[in-house]
C-alpha atoms as a PDB file:
ATOM      1  CA  MET A   1       0.000   0.000   0.000  1.00  0.00           C
ATOM      2  CA  ASN A   2       1.532   3.289  -1.154  1.00  0.00           C
ATOM      3  CA  GLU A   3      -0.793   5.633   0.736  1.00  0.00           C
ATOM      4  CA  ALA A   4       0.020   7.018   4.172  1.00  0.00           C
ATOM      5  CA  ILE A   5      -3.344   8.811   4.514  1.00  0.00           C
ATOM      6  CA  ARG A   6      -6.598   8.445   2.616  1.00  0.00           C
ATOM      7  CA  PHE A   7      -9.754  10.439   3.364  1.00  0.00           C
ATOM      8  CA  ASP A   8     -12.905   9.718   1.360  1.00  0.00           C
ATOM      9  CA  GLY A   9     -15.762  12.159   1.933  1.00  0.00           C
ATOM     10  CA  VAL A  10     -14.794  12.847   5.561  1.00  0.00           C
ATOM     11  CA  THR A  11     -17.062  15.172   7.520  1.00  0.00           C
ATOM     12  CA  ALA A  12     -16.281  15.777  11.197  1.00  0.00           C
ATOM     13  CA  GLY A  13     -16.545  18.271  14.023  1.00  0.00           C
ATOM     14  CA  TYR A  14     -17.296  18.665  17.700  1.00  0.00           C
ATOM     15  CA  ARG A  15     -21.002  19.403  17.771  1.00  0.00           C
ATOM     16  CA  ARG A  16     -23.519  17.630  15.585  1.00  0.00           C
ATOM     17  CA  GLY A  17     -24.950  19.891  12.923  1.00  0.00           C
ATOM     18  CA  SER A  18     -21.892  22.158  12.882  1.00  0.00           C
ATOM     19  CA  PRO A  19     -19.151  20.345  10.938  1.00  0.00           C
ATOM     20  CA  VAL A  20     -15.670  21.866  11.023  1.00  0.00           C
ATOM     21  CA  ILE A  21     -14.483  19.917   7.986  1.00  0.00           C
ATOM     22  CA  HIS A  22     -16.885  18.779   5.270  1.00  0.00           C
ATOM     23  CA  ASN A  23     -16.606  16.155   2.533  1.00  0.00           C
ATOM     24  CA  ILE A  24     -12.795  15.985   2.620  1.00  0.00           C
ATOM     25  CA  ASP A  25     -11.152  13.865  -0.087  1.00  0.00           C
ATOM     26  CA  LEU A  26      -7.408  13.678   0.476  1.00  0.00           C
ATOM     27  CA  THR A  27      -4.735  11.147  -0.477  1.00  0.00           C
ATOM     28  CA  VAL A  28      -1.203  11.493   0.904  1.00  0.00           C
ATOM     29  CA  PRO A  29       1.310   9.023  -0.559  1.00  0.00           C
ATOM     30  CA  LYS A  30       4.063   7.511   1.540  1.00  0.00           C
ATOM     31  CA  SER A  31       7.241   9.641   1.676  1.00  0.00           C
ATOM     32  CA  ASP A  32       5.282  12.803   0.866  1.00  0.00           C
ATOM     33  CA  PHE A  33       6.057  16.122   2.569  1.00  0.00           C
ATOM     34  CA  LEU A  34       2.677  17.843   2.611  1.00  0.00           C
ATOM     35  CA  ALA A  35       1.813  21.277   3.944  1.00  0.00           C
ATOM     36  CA  VAL A  36      -1.830  21.851   4.877  1.00  0.00           C
ATOM     37  CA  ILE A  37      -2.577  25.561   4.767  1.00  0.00           C
ATOM     38  CA  GLY A  38      -5.682  27.622   5.339  1.00  0.00           C
ATOM     39  CA  PRO A  39      -7.175  30.398   7.458  1.00  0.00           C
ATOM     40  CA  ASN A  40      -7.662  30.209  11.214  1.00  0.00           C
ATOM     41  CA  GLY A  41     -10.797  28.191  11.932  1.00  0.00           C
ATOM     42  CA  GLY A  42     -10.610  26.477   8.547  1.00  0.00           C
ATOM     43  CA  GLY A  43     -10.304  22.969   9.986  1.00  0.00           C
ATOM     44  CA  LYS A  44      -6.554  22.288   9.878  1.00  0.00           C
ATOM     45  CA  THR A  45      -6.224  21.112  13.488  1.00  0.00           C
ATOM     46  CA  THR A  46      -9.466  19.144  13.226  1.00  0.00           C
ATOM     47  CA  LEU A  47      -7.971  17.344  10.230  1.00  0.00           C
ATOM     48  CA  LEU A  48      -4.995  16.366  12.404  1.00  0.00           C
ATOM     49  CA  LYS A  49      -7.286  15.083  15.147  1.00  0.00           C
ATOM     50  CA  VAL A  50      -9.065  12.803  12.687  1.00  0.00           C
ATOM     51  CA  ILE A  51      -5.704  11.462  11.474  1.00  0.00           C
ATOM     52  CA  LEU A  52      -4.717  10.817  15.100  1.00  0.00           C
ATOM     53  CA  GLY A  53      -7.984   9.032  15.821  1.00  0.00           C
ATOM     54  CA  LEU A  54      -9.039  11.613  18.415  1.00  0.00           C
ATOM     55  CA  ILE A  55     -12.155  12.493  16.414  1.00  0.00           C
ATOM     56  CA  THR A  56     -14.275   9.943  14.543  1.00  0.00           C
ATOM     57  CA  PRO A  57     -15.693  11.067  11.185  1.00  0.00           C
ATOM     58  CA  TRP A  58     -19.438  11.590  11.107  1.00  0.00           C
ATOM     59  CA  GLU A  59     -19.450  10.675   7.447  1.00  0.00           C
ATOM     60  CA  GLY A  60     -16.916   9.125   5.081  1.00  0.00           C
ATOM     61  CA  SER A  61     -13.866   7.027   5.859  1.00  0.00           C
ATOM     62  CA  ALA A  62     -10.332   7.729   7.090  1.00  0.00           C
ATOM     63  CA  VAL A  63      -7.491   5.239   6.580  1.00  0.00           C
ATOM     64  CA  VAL A  64      -4.055   6.001   8.062  1.00  0.00           C
ATOM     65  CA  LEU A  65      -1.016   3.768   7.449  1.00  0.00           C
ATOM     66  CA  GLY A  66      -3.300   1.033   6.173  1.00  0.00           C
ATOM     67  CA  GLY A  67      -5.692   0.912   9.119  1.00  0.00           C
ATOM     68  CA  SER A  68      -8.126   2.882  11.215  1.00  0.00           C
ATOM     69  CA  PRO A  69      -6.620   5.971  12.875  1.00  0.00           C
ATOM     70  CA  GLU A  70      -7.427   4.596  16.340  1.00  0.00           C
ATOM     71  CA  LYS A  71      -5.350   1.458  15.669  1.00  0.00           C
ATOM     72  CA  THR A  72      -2.405   3.093  13.871  1.00  0.00           C
ATOM     73  CA  ARG A  73      -1.988   6.039  16.256  1.00  0.00           C
ATOM     74  CA  CYS A  74       1.050   4.358  17.812  1.00  0.00           C
ATOM     75  CA  GLU A  75       2.849   4.663  14.458  1.00  0.00           C
ATOM     76  CA  ILE A  76       2.387   8.435  14.315  1.00  0.00           C
ATOM     77  CA  GLY A  77       4.650  11.099  15.793  1.00  0.00           C
ATOM     78  CA  TYR A  78       2.935  14.363  16.744  1.00  0.00           C
ATOM     79  CA  VAL A  79       4.583  17.744  17.299  1.00  0.00           C
ATOM     80  CA  PRO A  80       2.174  20.313  18.800  1.00  0.00           C
ATOM     81  CA  GLN A  81       2.400  24.079  18.635  1.00  0.00           C
ATOM     82  CA  LEU A  82       5.025  25.571  20.927  1.00  0.00           C
ATOM     83  CA  ILE A  83       3.395  26.155  24.297  1.00  0.00           C
ATOM     84  CA  PRO A  84       4.003  29.123  26.631  1.00  0.00           C
ATOM     85  CA  GLU A  85       6.400  28.672  29.520  1.00  0.00           C
ATOM     86  CA  LYS A  86       4.953  26.882  32.512  1.00  0.00           C
ATOM     87  CA  SER A  87       6.164  26.791  36.075  1.00  0.00           C
ATOM     88  CA  PHE A  88       6.081  22.970  36.230  1.00  0.00           C
ATOM     89  CA  PRO A  89       9.740  21.840  36.071  1.00  0.00           C
ATOM     90  CA  ILE A  90      10.675  19.035  33.689  1.00  0.00           C
ATOM     91  CA  THR A  91      14.002  18.213  32.094  1.00  0.00           C
ATOM     92  CA  VAL A  92      14.563  17.959  28.363  1.00  0.00           C
ATOM     93  CA  LYS A  93      15.375  14.244  28.654  1.00  0.00           C
ATOM     94  CA  ASP A  94      12.123  13.574  30.515  1.00  0.00           C
ATOM     95  CA  VAL A  95      10.147  15.353  27.793  1.00  0.00           C
ATOM     96  CA  VAL A  96      11.669  13.080  25.145  1.00  0.00           C
ATOM     97  CA  LEU A  97      11.091   9.986  27.280  1.00  0.00           C
ATOM     98  CA  MET A  98       7.363  10.732  27.077  1.00  0.00           C
ATOM     99  CA  GLY A  99       7.604   9.594  23.463  1.00  0.00           C
ATOM    100  CA  ARG A 100       8.328   6.085  24.765  1.00  0.00           C
ATOM    101  CA  LEU A 101       5.130   5.822  26.834  1.00  0.00           C
ATOM    102  CA  LYS A 102       3.231   4.001  24.099  1.00  0.00           C
ATOM    103  CA  ASP A 103       5.780   1.164  24.334  1.00  0.00           C
ATOM    104  CA  SER A 104       6.485   1.218  28.073  1.00  0.00           C
ATOM    105  CA  GLY A 105       2.975   1.962  29.263  1.00  0.00           C
ATOM    106  CA  LEU A 106       1.764   4.880  31.349  1.00  0.00           C
ATOM    107  CA  PHE A 107       2.594   3.302  34.706  1.00  0.00           C
ATOM    108  CA  SER A 108       5.713   1.374  33.708  1.00  0.00           C
ATOM    109  CA  ARG A 109       9.290   2.326  34.491  1.00  0.00           C
ATOM    110  CA  PHE A 110      11.390   3.457  31.581  1.00  0.00           C
ATOM    111  CA  THR A 111      13.889   0.823  30.536  1.00  0.00           C
ATOM    112  CA  LEU A 112      17.538   1.312  29.655  1.00  0.00           C
ATOM    113  CA  ARG A 113      16.500   0.920  26.021  1.00  0.00           C
ATOM    114  CA  ASP A 114      13.961   3.742  26.411  1.00  0.00           C
ATOM    115  CA  ARG A 115      16.629   6.016  27.849  1.00  0.00           C
ATOM    116  CA  ASN A 116      19.110   5.117  25.123  1.00  0.00           C
ATOM    117  CA  ILE A 117      16.527   5.886  22.436  1.00  0.00           C
ATOM    118  CA  ALA A 118      15.727   9.226  24.077  1.00  0.00           C
ATOM    119  CA  GLU A 119      19.408  10.158  24.203  1.00  0.00           C
ATOM    120  CA  MET A 120      19.934   9.030  20.613  1.00  0.00           C
ATOM    121  CA  ASN A 121      17.143  11.264  19.341  1.00  0.00           C
ATOM    122  CA  LEU A 122      18.370  14.243  21.354  1.00  0.00           C
ATOM    123  CA  GLU A 123      21.752  13.800  19.675  1.00  0.00           C
ATOM    124  CA  ARG A 124      20.064  13.358  16.303  1.00  0.00           C
ATOM    125  CA  LEU A 125      18.356  16.713  16.767  1.00  0.00           C
ATOM    126  CA  ASP A 126      21.593  18.393  17.954  1.00  0.00           C
ATOM    127  CA  VAL A 127      20.238  19.081  21.452  1.00  0.00           C
ATOM    128  CA  GLY A 128      21.979  16.270  23.335  1.00  0.00           C
ATOM    129  CA  ASP A 129      23.895  18.776  25.431  1.00  0.00           C
ATOM    130  CA  LEU A 130      20.591  20.152  26.749  1.00  0.00           C
ATOM    131  CA  ALA A 131      19.343  16.845  28.184  1.00  0.00           C
ATOM    132  CA  ASP A 132      19.543  17.841  31.857  1.00  0.00           C
ATOM    133  CA  LEU A 133      18.239  21.397  31.444  1.00  0.00           C
ATOM    134  CA  ASP A 134      14.772  22.562  32.408  1.00  0.00           C
ATOM    135  CA  MET A 135      12.542  22.595  29.317  1.00  0.00           C
ATOM    136  CA  ASN A 136      11.279  26.057  30.242  1.00  0.00           C
ATOM    137  CA  SER A 137      14.782  27.522  29.994  1.00  0.00           C
ATOM    138  CA  LEU A 138      15.155  26.768  26.269  1.00  0.00           C
ATOM    139  CA  SER A 139      14.663  29.072  23.298  1.00  0.00           C
ATOM    140  CA  GLY A 140      11.757  28.545  20.897  1.00  0.00           C
ATOM    141  CA  GLY A 141      13.959  26.789  18.345  1.00  0.00           C
ATOM    142  CA  GLN A 142      15.470  24.503  20.976  1.00  0.00           C
ATOM    143  CA  LYS A 143      12.042  23.573  22.341  1.00  0.00           C
ATOM    144  CA  GLN A 144      10.917  22.793  18.814  1.00  0.00           C
ATOM    145  CA  ARG A 145      13.781  20.340  18.323  1.00  0.00           C
ATOM    146  CA  VAL A 146      13.100  18.686  21.686  1.00  0.00           C
ATOM    147  CA  LEU A 147       9.437  18.170  20.756  1.00  0.00           C
ATOM    148  CA  ILE A 148      10.489  16.601  17.457  1.00  0.00           C
ATOM    149  CA  ALA A 149      12.911  14.351  19.355  1.00  0.00           C
ATOM    150  CA  ARG A 150       9.999  13.279  21.580  1.00  0.00           C
ATOM    151  CA  ALA A 151       7.906  12.460  18.496  1.00  0.00           C
ATOM    152  CA  LEU A 152      10.773  10.495  16.915  1.00  0.00           C
ATOM    153  CA  ALA A 153      11.386   8.491  20.105  1.00  0.00           C
ATOM    154  CA  GLY A 154       8.401   6.342  19.188  1.00  0.00           C
ATOM    155  CA  ASN A 155       9.930   5.465  15.773  1.00  0.00           C
ATOM    156  CA  PRO A 156       6.970   6.814  13.764  1.00  0.00           C
ATOM    157  CA  LYS A 157       6.151   6.163  10.122  1.00  0.00           C
ATOM    158  CA  LEU A 158       4.171   9.400   9.891  1.00  0.00           C
ATOM    159  CA  LEU A 159       5.128  12.748  11.456  1.00  0.00           C
ATOM    160  CA  LEU A 160       2.452  15.394  12.058  1.00  0.00           C
ATOM    161  CA  LEU A 161       3.355  18.983  12.977  1.00  0.00           C
ATOM    162  CA  ASP A 162       0.863  21.674  14.012  1.00  0.00           C
ATOM    163  CA  GLU A 163       2.004  25.270  13.305  1.00  0.00           C
ATOM    164  CA  PRO A 164       5.673  24.454  13.998  1.00  0.00           C
ATOM    165  CA  VAL A 165       7.152  27.749  12.723  1.00  0.00           C
ATOM    166  CA  ALA A 166       4.652  30.129  14.295  1.00  0.00           C
ATOM    167  CA  SER A 167       6.911  31.241  17.159  1.00  0.00           C
ATOM    168  CA  VAL A 168      10.431  31.105  15.728  1.00  0.00           C
ATOM    169  CA  ASP A 169      12.527  33.557  13.704  1.00  0.00           C
ATOM    170  CA  HIS A 170      13.485  33.257  10.043  1.00  0.00           C
ATOM    171  CA  ASP A 171      16.953  31.772  10.623  1.00  0.00           C
ATOM    172  CA  THR A 172      15.487  29.116  12.908  1.00  0.00           C
ATOM    173  CA  GLN A 173      12.786  28.373  10.320  1.00  0.00           C
ATOM    174  CA  LYS A 174      15.427  27.745   7.648  1.00  0.00           C
ATOM    175  CA  SER A 175      17.326  25.312   9.875  1.00  0.00           C
ATOM    176  CA  PHE A 176      14.053  23.663  10.856  1.00  0.00           C
ATOM    177  CA  PHE A 177      12.989  22.980   7.267  1.00  0.00           C
ATOM    178  CA  ASN A 178      16.411  21.566   6.431  1.00  0.00           C
ATOM    179  CA  LEU A 179      15.918  19.160   9.331  1.00  0.00           C
ATOM    180  CA  LEU A 180      12.454  18.136   8.102  1.00  0.00           C
ATOM    181  CA  ALA A 181      13.817  17.519   4.595  1.00  0.00           C
ATOM    182  CA  GLU A 182      16.330  15.112   6.137  1.00  0.00           C
ATOM    183  CA  LEU A 183      13.655  13.332   8.183  1.00  0.00           C
ATOM    184  CA  ASN A 184      11.438  13.060   5.095  1.00  0.00           C
ATOM    185  CA  SER A 185      13.877  10.526   3.630  1.00  0.00           C
ATOM    186  CA  THR A 186      12.621   7.970   6.162  1.00  0.00           C
ATOM    187  CA  MET A 187       9.020   9.004   6.902  1.00  0.00           C
ATOM    188  CA  THR A 188       5.941  10.791   5.607  1.00  0.00           C
ATOM    189  CA  ILE A 189       5.497  14.332   6.931  1.00  0.00           C
ATOM    190  CA  LEU A 190       2.346  16.431   7.178  1.00  0.00           C
ATOM    191  CA  LEU A 191       2.787  19.991   8.395  1.00  0.00           C
ATOM    192  CA  VAL A 192      -0.149  22.244   9.272  1.00  0.00           C
ATOM    193  CA  THR A 193       0.234  26.015   9.017  1.00  0.00           C
ATOM    194  CA  HIS A 194      -1.640  29.192   8.123  1.00  0.00           C
ATOM    195  CA  ASP A 195       1.489  30.828   6.671  1.00  0.00           C
ATOM    196  CA  VAL A 196       1.708  30.132   2.939  1.00  0.00           C
ATOM    197  CA  GLY A 197       5.010  31.904   2.436  1.00  0.00           C
ATOM    198  CA  ALA A 198       6.870  30.101   5.192  1.00  0.00           C
ATOM    199  CA  VAL A 199       6.420  26.651   3.676  1.00  0.00           C
ATOM    200  CA  SER A 200       5.854  26.933  -0.076  1.00  0.00           C
ATOM    201  CA  ALA A 201       9.544  26.678  -1.011  1.00  0.00           C
ATOM    202  CA  HIS A 202      10.244  23.670   1.211  1.00  0.00           C
ATOM    203  CA  VAL A 203       7.508  21.043   0.791  1.00  0.00           C
ATOM    204  CA  LYS A 204       6.631  18.597  -1.981  1.00  0.00           C
ATOM    205  CA  ASN A 205       2.884  19.232  -2.044  1.00  0.00           C
ATOM    206  CA  ILE A 206       0.399  21.717  -0.591  1.00  0.00           C
ATOM    207  CA  ALA A 207      -3.243  21.176   0.340  1.00  0.00           C
ATOM    208  CA  CYS A 208      -5.354  24.280   0.859  1.00  0.00           C
ATOM    209  CA  ILE A 209      -8.306  23.815   3.214  1.00  0.00           C
ATOM    210  CA  ASN A 210     -11.187  25.933   4.403  1.00  0.00           C
ATOM    211  CA  ARG A 211     -13.717  23.426   5.744  1.00  0.00           C
ATOM    212  CA  THR A 212     -13.176  21.443   2.534  1.00  0.00           C
ATOM    213  CA  ILE A 213     -10.206  20.896   0.235  1.00  0.00           C
ATOM    214  CA  ILE A 214      -9.814  23.927  -2.043  1.00  0.00           C
ATOM    215  CA  SER A 215      -6.778  22.563  -3.895  1.00  0.00           C
ATOM    216  CA  HIS A 216      -4.123  19.873  -3.536  1.00  0.00           C
ATOM    217  CA  GLY A 217      -0.947  19.400  -5.555  1.00  0.00           C
ATOM    218  CA  GLU A 218       2.611  20.460  -6.234  1.00  0.00           C
ATOM    219  CA  THR A 219       1.688  24.034  -7.131  1.00  0.00           C
ATOM    220  CA  LEU A 220      -0.547  26.574  -5.443  1.00  0.00           C
ATOM    221  CA  SER A 221      -2.570  29.039  -7.483  1.00  0.00           C
ATOM    222  CA  SER A 222      -3.453  32.533  -6.310  1.00  0.00           C
ATOM    223  CA  GLU A 223      -7.088  31.795  -7.158  1.00  0.00           C
ATOM    224  CA  SER A 224      -7.182  28.780  -4.822  1.00  0.00           C
ATOM    225  CA  VAL A 225      -5.743  30.721  -1.909  1.00  0.00           C
ATOM    226  CA  GLU A 226      -8.022  33.697  -2.548  1.00  0.00           C
ATOM    227  CA  LYS A 227     -10.960  31.277  -2.360  1.00  0.00           C
ATOM    228  CA  ALA A 228      -9.707  29.804   0.918  1.00  0.00           C
ATOM    229  CA  TYR A 229      -8.724  33.049   2.628  1.00  0.00           C
ATOM    230  CA  GLY A 230     -11.511  35.165   1.176  1.00  0.00           C
ATOM    231  CA  CYS A 231      -9.270  38.022   0.037  1.00  0.00           C
ATOM    232  CA  PRO A 232      -6.942  38.933  -2.850  1.00  0.00           C
ATOM    233  CA  PHE A 233      -3.647  37.088  -2.729  1.00  0.00           C
ATOM    234  CA  GLU A 234      -0.315  37.218  -4.478  1.00  0.00           C
ATOM    235  CA  LEU A 235       2.811  35.121  -3.893  1.00  0.00           C
ATOM    236  CA  ILE A 236       5.997  37.041  -4.568  1.00  0.00           C
ATOM    237  CA  SER A 237       9.659  36.205  -4.030  1.00  0.00           C
ATOM    238  CA  HIS A 238      12.110  38.430  -2.234  1.00  0.00           C
ATOM    239  CA  GLY A 239      15.676  37.186  -1.923  1.00  0.00           C
ATOM    240  CA  GLY A 240      14.521  33.661  -2.740  1.00  0.00           C
ATOM    241  CA  ILE A 241      12.003  33.645   0.111  1.00  0.00           C
ATOM    242  CA  PRO A 242       8.294  33.564  -0.867  1.00  0.00           C
ATOM    243  CA  HIS A 243       5.969  35.922   0.987  1.00  0.00           C
ATOM    244  CA  ARG A 244       2.208  36.084   1.281  1.00  0.00           C
ATOM    245  CA  VAL A 245       0.682  39.376   0.179  1.00  0.00           C
ATOM    246  CA  LEU A 246      -2.972  39.944   1.012  1.00  0.00           C
ATOM    247  CA  GLY A 247      -5.238  42.548  -0.495  1.00  0.00           C
ATOM    248  CA  LYS A 248      -6.223  45.798   1.165  1.00  0.00           C
ATOM    249  CA  GLY A 249      -8.693  45.498   3.977  1.00  0.00           C
ATOM    250  CA  SER A 250      -7.842  41.866   4.670  1.00  0.00           C
ATOM    251  CA  LYS A 251      -7.996  40.789   8.320  1.00  0.00           C
ATOM    252  CA  THR A 252      -6.491  37.353   7.708  1.00  0.00           C
END
């Protein structure tokens, strides 16, 4: 089977009668690097929750890694949005060890193998020297790498990322996308964002969503994005970096 994700007519939401995503048809082949873009409230995070098996479709079918999302969730790595600092102290190594819970069990002790895998992924993400630091003391880019290390600790076949570049600067974004390109050689990646310009030069395919799929493919037309965002749109390049330009009066 060459498909990592297949949605056929998926409609889902949180309250019956008010679907967040409607009649979604989406096929993501294995080894793809897909960006899912769209406006706030357009259903991007809900799409992720269906893939993770946290929300069951009201209509249609969702197949992930050849099975139901509830059964294949253990084969998926998930990187959430960067969260604000919290007062609860936890070391970087302990954060990454959380990625081993699906194998060790919630109430089991971590094994030597678990700890070796955690350390290996910290080194892989170039943050091994931060292992004993408090997670809250790290920069945004460092936290991002630690969260990816946590996701990779479970040896996933599919990596999902929710708004991963929203809180980091341009230089960190460039390094981050180079890292994802490397990881894409061994796994399928789906990255959710609302920032067209930040991802368009780095991914293999782009799906534009606003409750339903507006477009999906290697290229992204201005007309498709205008339809999704509800305002005039133009993609320009400045110094090799694409930028989103919205029309006057846009609040997106």
